[in-house]
């Protein structure tokens, strides 16, 4: 059960979030925000990334898609991750 606080933000219980995670993720993707409470005390807030004001800090480390849309082989993925790890240590 969520408690509406304004047009874009609601208060939800932690148990409700656990039971309905997909529903809340979809709502967040549409611009909604939620304050999650446990035992009537707020513990964290969920909101769309653009509200953070820091979209520029995200970078793609690995793109799991390939050109034909079928994904990549797990061995190839491990090679890519090892290469990234070696570059960051250098």
PDB file of N, CA and C in Angstrom:
ATOM      1  N   UNK A   1       0.840  -1.173   0.000  1.00  0.00           N
ATOM      2  CA  UNK A   1       0.000   0.000   0.000  1.00  0.00           C
ATOM      3  C   UNK A   1       0.890   1.244   0.000  1.00  0.00           C
ATOM      4  N   UNK A   2       0.736   2.114  -0.964  1.00  0.00           N
ATOM      5  CA  UNK A   2       1.531   3.340  -0.986  1.00  0.00           C
ATOM      6  C   UNK A   2       0.670   4.517  -0.557  1.00  0.00           C
ATOM      7  N   UNK A   3       1.296   5.500   0.031  1.00  0.00           N
ATOM      8  CA  UNK A   3       0.623   6.712   0.469  1.00  0.00           C
ATOM      9  C   UNK A   3       1.077   7.827  -0.442  1.00  0.00           C
ATOM     10  N   UNK A   4       0.143   8.434  -1.154  1.00  0.00           N
ATOM     11  CA  UNK A   4       0.501   9.486  -2.103  1.00  0.00           C
ATOM     12  C   UNK A   4       0.804  10.777  -1.347  1.00  0.00           C
ATOM     13  N   UNK A   5       1.925  11.415  -1.682  1.00  0.00           N
ATOM     14  CA  UNK A   5       2.272  12.668  -1.020  1.00  0.00           C
ATOM     15  C   UNK A   5       2.181  13.858  -1.974  1.00  0.00           C
ATOM     16  N   UNK A   6       2.415  13.642  -3.255  1.00  0.00           N
ATOM     17  CA  UNK A   6       2.185  14.673  -4.278  1.00  0.00           C
ATOM     18  C   UNK A   6       2.091  13.966  -5.625  1.00  0.00           C
ATOM     19  N   UNK A   7       2.052  14.707  -6.709  1.00  0.00           N
ATOM     20  CA  UNK A   7       1.854  14.093  -8.029  1.00  0.00           C
ATOM     21  C   UNK A   7       2.938  13.096  -8.409  1.00  0.00           C
ATOM     22  N   UNK A   8       4.168  13.325  -7.967  1.00  0.00           N
ATOM     23  CA  UNK A   8       5.266  12.496  -8.444  1.00  0.00           C
ATOM     24  C   UNK A   8       5.962  11.708  -7.329  1.00  0.00           C
ATOM     25  N   UNK A   9       5.565  11.872  -6.081  1.00  0.00           N
ATOM     26  CA  UNK A   9       6.255  11.211  -4.984  1.00  0.00           C
ATOM     27  C   UNK A   9       5.257  10.514  -4.071  1.00  0.00           C
ATOM     28  N   UNK A  10       5.636   9.350  -3.563  1.00  0.00           N
ATOM     29  CA  UNK A  10       4.785   8.584  -2.662  1.00  0.00           C
ATOM     30  C   UNK A  10       5.634   7.957  -1.574  1.00  0.00           C
ATOM     31  N   UNK A  11       4.979   7.609  -0.475  1.00  0.00           N
ATOM     32  CA  UNK A  11       5.630   6.883   0.607  1.00  0.00           C
ATOM     33  C   UNK A  11       5.179   5.433   0.507  1.00  0.00           C
ATOM     34  N   UNK A  12       6.153   4.515   0.506  1.00  0.00           N
ATOM     35  CA  UNK A  12       5.829   3.088   0.412  1.00  0.00           C
ATOM     36  C   UNK A  12       6.567   2.333   1.510  1.00  0.00           C
ATOM     37  N   UNK A  13       6.009   1.211   1.911  1.00  0.00           N
ATOM     38  CA  UNK A  13       6.655   0.369   2.896  1.00  0.00           C
ATOM     39  C   UNK A  13       7.703  -0.518   2.247  1.00  0.00           C
ATOM     40  N   UNK A  14       8.717  -0.869   3.020  1.00  0.00           N
ATOM     41  CA  UNK A  14       9.786  -1.727   2.520  1.00  0.00           C
ATOM     42  C   UNK A  14       9.246  -3.080   2.057  1.00  0.00           C
ATOM     43  N   UNK A  15       8.311  -3.648   2.806  1.00  0.00           N
ATOM     44  CA  UNK A  15       7.727  -4.933   2.423  1.00  0.00           C
ATOM     45  C   UNK A  15       6.995  -4.818   1.092  1.00  0.00           C
ATOM     46  N   UNK A  16       6.247  -3.727   0.905  1.00  0.00           N
ATOM     47  CA  UNK A  16       5.544  -3.500  -0.362  1.00  0.00           C
ATOM     48  C   UNK A  16       6.543  -3.402  -1.508  1.00  0.00           C
ATOM     49  N   UNK A  17       7.663  -2.720  -1.285  1.00  0.00           N
ATOM     50  CA  UNK A  17       8.702  -2.616  -2.313  1.00  0.00           C
ATOM     51  C   UNK A  17       9.246  -3.994  -2.671  1.00  0.00           C
ATOM     52  N   UNK A  18       9.530  -4.822  -1.661  1.00  0.00           N
ATOM     53  CA  UNK A  18      10.040  -6.176  -1.922  1.00  0.00           C
ATOM     54  C   UNK A  18       9.045  -6.990  -2.740  1.00  0.00           C
ATOM     55  N   UNK A  19       7.769  -6.873  -2.414  1.00  0.00           N
ATOM     56  CA  UNK A  19       6.745  -7.682  -3.078  1.00  0.00           C
ATOM     57  C   UNK A  19       6.387  -7.171  -4.476  1.00  0.00           C
ATOM     58  N   UNK A  20       6.626  -5.889  -4.731  1.00  0.00           N
ATOM     59  CA  UNK A  20       6.195  -5.271  -5.994  1.00  0.00           C
ATOM     60  C   UNK A  20       7.301  -4.474  -6.668  1.00  0.00           C
ATOM     61  N   UNK A  21       8.530  -4.970  -6.590  1.00  0.00           N
ATOM     62  CA  UNK A  21       9.685  -4.232  -7.109  1.00  0.00           C
ATOM     63  C   UNK A  21       9.500  -3.811  -8.560  1.00  0.00           C
ATOM     64  N   UNK A  22       9.053  -4.726  -9.408  1.00  0.00           N
ATOM     65  CA  UNK A  22       8.878  -4.403 -10.831  1.00  0.00           C
ATOM     66  C   UNK A  22       7.933  -3.247 -11.059  1.00  0.00           C
ATOM     67  N   UNK A  23       6.851  -3.218 -10.312  1.00  0.00           N
ATOM     68  CA  UNK A  23       5.873  -2.138 -10.435  1.00  0.00           C
ATOM     69  C   UNK A  23       6.514  -0.791 -10.099  1.00  0.00           C
ATOM     70  N   UNK A  24       7.311  -0.767  -9.038  1.00  0.00           N
ATOM     71  CA  UNK A  24       7.934   0.491  -8.634  1.00  0.00           C
ATOM     72  C   UNK A  24       9.054   0.914  -9.584  1.00  0.00           C
ATOM     73  N   UNK A  25       9.808  -0.034 -10.109  1.00  0.00           N
ATOM     74  CA  UNK A  25      10.837   0.300 -11.100  1.00  0.00           C
ATOM     75  C   UNK A  25      10.189   0.928 -12.325  1.00  0.00           C
ATOM     76  N   UNK A  26       9.089   0.350 -12.785  1.00  0.00           N
ATOM     77  CA  UNK A  26       8.374   0.917 -13.940  1.00  0.00           C
ATOM     78  C   UNK A  26       7.891   2.335 -13.658  1.00  0.00           C
ATOM     79  N   UNK A  27       7.371   2.554 -12.457  1.00  0.00           N
ATOM     80  CA  UNK A  27       6.896   3.886 -12.093  1.00  0.00           C
ATOM     81  C   UNK A  27       8.047   4.887 -12.034  1.00  0.00           C
ATOM     82  N   UNK A  28       9.194   4.462 -11.515  1.00  0.00           N
ATOM     83  CA  UNK A  28      10.361   5.346 -11.455  1.00  0.00           C
ATOM     84  C   UNK A  28      10.823   5.711 -12.856  1.00  0.00           C
ATOM     85  N   UNK A  29      10.808   4.734 -13.770  1.00  0.00           N
ATOM     86  CA  UNK A  29      11.190   5.014 -15.158  1.00  0.00           C
ATOM     87  C   UNK A  29      10.261   6.052 -15.787  1.00  0.00           C
ATOM     88  N   UNK A  30       9.043   6.171 -15.271  1.00  0.00           N
ATOM     89  CA  UNK A  30       8.073   7.153 -15.782  1.00  0.00           C
ATOM     90  C   UNK A  30       8.140   8.476 -15.029  1.00  0.00           C
ATOM     91  N   UNK A  31       9.122   8.615 -14.123  1.00  0.00           N
ATOM     92  CA  UNK A  31       9.329   9.890 -13.450  1.00  0.00           C
ATOM     93  C   UNK A  31       8.860   9.952 -12.009  1.00  0.00           C
ATOM     94  N   UNK A  32       8.280   8.896 -11.470  1.00  0.00           N
ATOM     95  CA  UNK A  32       7.815   8.896 -10.083  1.00  0.00           C
ATOM     96  C   UNK A  32       8.981   8.758  -9.120  1.00  0.00           C
ATOM     97  N   UNK A  33       8.791   9.220  -7.894  1.00  0.00           N
ATOM     98  CA  UNK A  33       9.765   9.068  -6.814  1.00  0.00           C
ATOM     99  C   UNK A  33       9.056   8.434  -5.624  1.00  0.00           C
ATOM    100  N   UNK A  34       9.820   7.687  -4.833  1.00  0.00           N
ATOM    101  CA  UNK A  34       9.244   7.018  -3.673  1.00  0.00           C
ATOM    102  C   UNK A  34      10.168   7.155  -2.475  1.00  0.00           C
ATOM    103  N   UNK A  35       9.587   7.458  -1.325  1.00  0.00           N
ATOM    104  CA  UNK A  35      10.293   7.392  -0.065  1.00  0.00           C
ATOM    105  C   UNK A  35       9.903   6.066   0.568  1.00  0.00           C
ATOM    106  N   UNK A  36      10.908   5.252   0.884  1.00  0.00           N
ATOM    107  CA  UNK A  36      10.658   3.925   1.440  1.00  0.00           C
ATOM    108  C   UNK A  36      10.804   4.002   2.960  1.00  0.00           C
ATOM    109  N   UNK A  37       9.790   3.466   3.644  1.00  0.00           N
ATOM    110  CA  UNK A  37       9.783   3.496   5.102  1.00  0.00           C
ATOM    111  C   UNK A  37       9.795   2.077   5.669  1.00  0.00           C
ATOM    112  N   UNK A  38      10.387   1.945   6.850  1.00  0.00           N
ATOM    113  CA  UNK A  38      10.356   0.701   7.607  1.00  0.00           C
ATOM    114  C   UNK A  38       9.942   1.072   9.028  1.00  0.00           C
ATOM    115  N   UNK A  39       8.881   0.438   9.497  1.00  0.00           N
ATOM    116  CA  UNK A  39       8.338   0.748  10.828  1.00  0.00           C
ATOM    117  C   UNK A  39       8.053   2.241  10.973  1.00  0.00           C
ATOM    118  N   UNK A  40       7.464   2.805   9.930  1.00  0.00           N
ATOM    119  CA  UNK A  40       7.031   4.216   9.896  1.00  0.00           C
ATOM    120  C   UNK A  40       8.179   5.225   9.900  1.00  0.00           C
ATOM    121  N   UNK A  41       9.413   4.758   9.654  1.00  0.00           N
ATOM    122  CA  UNK A  41      10.552   5.678   9.596  1.00  0.00           C
ATOM    123  C   UNK A  41      11.159   5.625   8.201  1.00  0.00           C
ATOM    124  N   UNK A  42      11.396   6.785   7.564  1.00  0.00           N
ATOM    125  CA  UNK A  42      12.004   6.786   6.231  1.00  0.00           C
ATOM    126  C   UNK A  42      13.419   6.216   6.277  1.00  0.00           C
ATOM    127  N   UNK A  43      13.733   5.336   5.296  1.00  0.00           N
ATOM    128  CA  UNK A  43      15.089   4.758   5.257  1.00  0.00           C
ATOM    129  C   UNK A  43      15.836   5.103   3.977  1.00  0.00           C
ATOM    130  N   UNK A  44      15.133   5.305   2.866  1.00  0.00           N
ATOM    131  CA  UNK A  44      15.791   5.788   1.654  1.00  0.00           C
ATOM    132  C   UNK A  44      14.753   6.287   0.669  1.00  0.00           C
ATOM    133  N   UNK A  45      15.243   6.981  -0.367  1.00  0.00           N
ATOM    134  CA  UNK A  45      14.384   7.519  -1.408  1.00  0.00           C
ATOM    135  C   UNK A  45      14.823   6.953  -2.746  1.00  0.00           C
ATOM    136  N   UNK A  46      13.865   6.605  -3.566  1.00  0.00           N
ATOM    137  CA  UNK A  46      14.147   6.134  -4.929  1.00  0.00           C
ATOM    138  C   UNK A  46      13.598   7.167  -5.894  1.00  0.00           C
ATOM    139  N   UNK A  47      14.415   7.511  -6.909  1.00  0.00           N
ATOM    140  CA  UNK A  47      13.996   8.517  -7.879  1.00  0.00           C
ATOM    141  C   UNK A  47      14.697   8.269  -9.203  1.00  0.00           C
ATOM    142  N   UNK A  48      14.149   8.823 -10.290  1.00  0.00           N
ATOM    143  CA  UNK A  48      14.810   8.661 -11.594  1.00  0.00           C
ATOM    144  C   UNK A  48      16.221   9.251 -11.569  1.00  0.00           C
ATOM    145  N   UNK A  49      17.100   8.696 -12.368  1.00  0.00           N
ATOM    146  CA  UNK A  49      18.490   9.140 -12.410  1.00  0.00           C
ATOM    147  C   UNK A  49      18.599  10.620 -12.738  1.00  0.00           C
ATOM    148  N   UNK A  50      17.792  11.136 -13.653  1.00  0.00           N
ATOM    149  CA  UNK A  50      17.937  12.533 -14.065  1.00  0.00           C
ATOM    150  C   UNK A  50      17.688  13.500 -12.906  1.00  0.00           C
ATOM    151  N   UNK A  51      16.988  13.075 -11.854  1.00  0.00           N
ATOM    152  CA  UNK A  51      16.793  13.942 -10.699  1.00  0.00           C
ATOM    153  C   UNK A  51      18.061  14.058  -9.866  1.00  0.00           C
ATOM    154  N   UNK A  52      19.009  13.156 -10.058  1.00  0.00           N
ATOM    155  CA  UNK A  52      20.256  13.212  -9.303  1.00  0.00           C
ATOM    156  C   UNK A  52      21.120  14.383  -9.750  1.00  0.00           C
ATOM    157  N   UNK A  53      20.936  14.805 -10.997  1.00  0.00           N
ATOM    158  CA  UNK A  53      21.746  15.890 -11.521  1.00  0.00           C
ATOM    159  C   UNK A  53      23.165  15.483 -11.866  1.00  0.00           C
ATOM    160  N   UNK A  54      23.419  14.174 -11.969  1.00  0.00           N
ATOM    161  CA  UNK A  54      24.788  13.735 -12.236  1.00  0.00           C
ATOM    162  C   UNK A  54      24.842  12.680 -13.338  1.00  0.00           C
ATOM    163  N   UNK A  55      23.985  12.815 -14.331  1.00  0.00           N
ATOM    164  CA  UNK A  55      23.993  11.824 -15.403  1.00  0.00           C
ATOM    165  C   UNK A  55      25.346  11.743 -16.099  1.00  0.00           C
ATOM    166  N   UNK A  56      26.105  12.828 -16.106  1.00  0.00           N
ATOM    167  CA  UNK A  56      27.378  12.839 -16.789  1.00  0.00           C
ATOM    168  C   UNK A  56      28.451  11.973 -16.150  1.00  0.00           C
ATOM    169  N   UNK A  57      28.233  11.479 -14.929  1.00  0.00           N
ATOM    170  CA  UNK A  57      29.256  10.675 -14.281  1.00  0.00           C
ATOM    171  C   UNK A  57      29.189   9.206 -14.674  1.00  0.00           C
ATOM    172  N   UNK A  58      28.126   8.789 -15.335  1.00  0.00           N
ATOM    173  CA  UNK A  58      27.986   7.392 -15.744  1.00  0.00           C
ATOM    174  C   UNK A  58      28.752   7.158 -17.038  1.00  0.00           C
ATOM    175  N   UNK A  59      29.468   6.042 -17.103  1.00  0.00           N
ATOM    176  CA  UNK A  59      30.135   5.683 -18.352  1.00  0.00           C
ATOM    177  C   UNK A  59      29.934   4.192 -18.589  1.00  0.00           C
ATOM    178  N   UNK A  60      29.911   3.807 -19.843  1.00  0.00           N
ATOM    179  CA  UNK A  60      29.733   2.411 -20.199  1.00  0.00           C
ATOM    180  C   UNK A  60      31.068   1.698 -20.062  1.00  0.00           C
ATOM    181  N   UNK A  61      31.093   0.683 -19.222  1.00  0.00           N
ATOM    182  CA  UNK A  61      32.304  -0.121 -19.081  1.00  0.00           C
ATOM    183  C   UNK A  61      32.275  -1.302 -20.034  1.00  0.00           C
ATOM    184  N   UNK A  62      31.135  -1.950 -20.118  1.00  0.00           N
ATOM    185  CA  UNK A  62      30.987  -3.112 -20.982  1.00  0.00           C
ATOM    186  C   UNK A  62      29.612  -3.041 -21.631  1.00  0.00           C
ATOM    187  N   UNK A  63      29.569  -3.214 -22.920  1.00  0.00           N
ATOM    188  CA  UNK A  63      28.299  -3.288 -23.639  1.00  0.00           C
ATOM    189  C   UNK A  63      28.031  -4.761 -23.921  1.00  0.00           C
ATOM    190  N   UNK A  64      27.011  -5.324 -23.280  1.00  0.00           N
ATOM    191  CA  UNK A  64      26.726  -6.744 -23.398  1.00  0.00           C
ATOM    192  C   UNK A  64      26.011  -7.106 -24.695  1.00  0.00           C
ATOM    193  N   UNK A  65      25.694  -6.118 -25.485  1.00  0.00           N
ATOM    194  CA  UNK A  65      25.043  -6.392 -26.763  1.00  0.00           C
ATOM    195  C   UNK A  65      26.096  -6.525 -27.858  1.00  0.00           C
ATOM    196  N   UNK A  66      25.798  -7.295 -28.850  1.00  0.00           N
ATOM    197  CA  UNK A  66      26.678  -7.332 -30.006  1.00  0.00           C
ATOM    198  C   UNK A  66      25.912  -6.758 -31.189  1.00  0.00           C
ATOM    199  N   UNK A  67      26.552  -6.727 -32.346  1.00  0.00           N
ATOM    200  CA  UNK A  67      25.956  -6.070 -33.509  1.00  0.00           C
ATOM    201  C   UNK A  67      24.674  -6.734 -33.993  1.00  0.00           C
ATOM    202  N   UNK A  68      24.527  -8.047 -33.814  1.00  0.00           N
ATOM    203  CA  UNK A  68      23.318  -8.706 -34.314  1.00  0.00           C
ATOM    204  C   UNK A  68      22.240  -8.844 -33.241  1.00  0.00           C
ATOM    205  N   UNK A  69      22.475  -8.329 -32.032  1.00  0.00           N
ATOM    206  CA  UNK A  69      21.455  -8.313 -30.998  1.00  0.00           C
ATOM    207  C   UNK A  69      21.294  -9.594 -30.215  1.00  0.00           C
ATOM    208  N   UNK A  70      22.179 -10.577 -30.419  1.00  0.00           N
ATOM    209  CA  UNK A  70      22.056 -11.854 -29.727  1.00  0.00           C
ATOM    210  C   UNK A  70      22.836 -11.919 -28.426  1.00  0.00           C
ATOM    211  N   UNK A  71      23.497 -10.868 -28.034  1.00  0.00           N
ATOM    212  CA  UNK A  71      24.317 -10.895 -26.828  1.00  0.00           C
ATOM    213  C   UNK A  71      25.714 -11.404 -27.146  1.00  0.00           C
ATOM    214  N   UNK A  72      26.493 -11.650 -26.097  1.00  0.00           N
ATOM    215  CA  UNK A  72      27.858 -12.120 -26.302  1.00  0.00           C
ATOM    216  C   UNK A  72      28.091 -13.398 -25.509  1.00  0.00           C
ATOM    217  N   UNK A  73      29.086 -14.126 -25.906  1.00  0.00           N
ATOM    218  CA  UNK A  73      29.487 -15.355 -25.253  1.00  0.00           C
ATOM    219  C   UNK A  73      30.120 -15.026 -23.903  1.00  0.00           C
ATOM    220  N   UNK A  74      29.891 -15.875 -22.897  1.00  0.00           N
ATOM    221  CA  UNK A  74      30.424 -15.636 -21.551  1.00  0.00           C
ATOM    222  C   UNK A  74      31.946 -15.543 -21.555  1.00  0.00           C
ATOM    223  N   UNK A  75      32.623 -16.359 -22.367  1.00  0.00           N
ATOM    224  CA  UNK A  75      34.099 -16.286 -22.436  1.00  0.00           C
ATOM    225  C   UNK A  75      34.554 -14.921 -22.942  1.00  0.00           C
ATOM    226  N   UNK A  76      33.856 -14.427 -23.962  1.00  0.00           N
ATOM    227  CA  UNK A  76      34.194 -13.111 -24.497  1.00  0.00           C
ATOM    228  C   UNK A  76      33.958 -12.024 -23.452  1.00  0.00           C
ATOM    229  N   UNK A  77      32.891 -12.182 -22.676  1.00  0.00           N
ATOM    230  CA  UNK A  77      32.600 -11.229 -21.614  1.00  0.00           C
ATOM    231  C   UNK A  77      33.731 -11.212 -20.589  1.00  0.00           C
ATOM    232  N   UNK A  78      34.176 -12.379 -20.157  1.00  0.00           N
ATOM    233  CA  UNK A  78      35.274 -12.449 -19.191  1.00  0.00           C
ATOM    234  C   UNK A  78      36.546 -11.815 -19.736  1.00  0.00           C
ATOM    235  N   UNK A  79      36.824 -12.034 -21.021  1.00  0.00           N
ATOM    236  CA  UNK A  79      37.997 -11.406 -21.635  1.00  0.00           C
ATOM    237  C   UNK A  79      37.883  -9.886 -21.579  1.00  0.00           C
ATOM    238  N   UNK A  80      36.686  -9.363 -21.888  1.00  0.00           N
ATOM    239  CA  UNK A  80      36.471  -7.918 -21.865  1.00  0.00           C
ATOM    240  C   UNK A  80      36.656  -7.365 -20.450  1.00  0.00           C
ATOM    241  N   UNK A  81      36.099  -8.061 -19.452  1.00  0.00           N
ATOM    242  CA  UNK A  81      36.220  -7.601 -18.069  1.00  0.00           C
ATOM    243  C   UNK A  81      37.662  -7.642 -17.587  1.00  0.00           C
ATOM    244  N   UNK A  82      38.399  -8.694 -17.951  1.00  0.00           N
ATOM    245  CA  UNK A  82      39.811  -8.776 -17.577  1.00  0.00           C
ATOM    246  C   UNK A  82      40.606  -7.653 -18.213  1.00  0.00           C
ATOM    247  N   UNK A  83      40.300  -7.319 -19.446  1.00  0.00           N
ATOM    248  CA  UNK A  83      41.003  -6.239 -20.146  1.00  0.00           C
ATOM    249  C   UNK A  83      40.747  -4.901 -19.430  1.00  0.00           C
ATOM    250  N   UNK A  84      39.502  -4.656 -19.038  1.00  0.00           N
ATOM    251  CA  UNK A  84      39.168  -3.427 -18.323  1.00  0.00           C
ATOM    252  C   UNK A  84      39.912  -3.383 -16.997  1.00  0.00           C
ATOM    253  N   UNK A  85      39.914  -4.504 -16.274  1.00  0.00           N
ATOM    254  CA  UNK A  85      40.585  -4.571 -14.988  1.00  0.00           C
ATOM    255  C   UNK A  85      42.076  -4.269 -15.127  1.00  0.00           C
ATOM    256  N   UNK A  86      42.725  -4.842 -16.144  1.00  0.00           N
ATOM    257  CA  UNK A  86      44.160  -4.603 -16.372  1.00  0.00           C
ATOM    258  C   UNK A  86      44.423  -3.152 -16.700  1.00  0.00           C
ATOM    259  N   UNK A  87      43.531  -2.525 -17.511  1.00  0.00           N
ATOM    260  CA  UNK A  87      43.703  -1.116 -17.876  1.00  0.00           C
ATOM    261  C   UNK A  87      43.551  -0.205 -16.674  1.00  0.00           C
ATOM    262  N   UNK A  88      42.623  -0.521 -15.769  1.00  0.00           N
ATOM    263  CA  UNK A  88      42.429   0.314 -14.600  1.00  0.00           C
ATOM    264  C   UNK A  88      43.566   0.193 -13.599  1.00  0.00           C
ATOM    265  N   UNK A  89      44.221  -0.958 -13.559  1.00  0.00           N
ATOM    266  CA  UNK A  89      45.342  -1.157 -12.638  1.00  0.00           C
ATOM    267  C   UNK A  89      46.624  -0.496 -13.157  1.00  0.00           C
ATOM    268  N   UNK A  90      46.671  -0.276 -14.445  1.00  0.00           N
ATOM    269  CA  UNK A  90      47.885   0.282 -15.054  1.00  0.00           C
ATOM    270  C   UNK A  90      48.024   1.761 -14.769  1.00  0.00           C
TER     271      UNK A  90
END
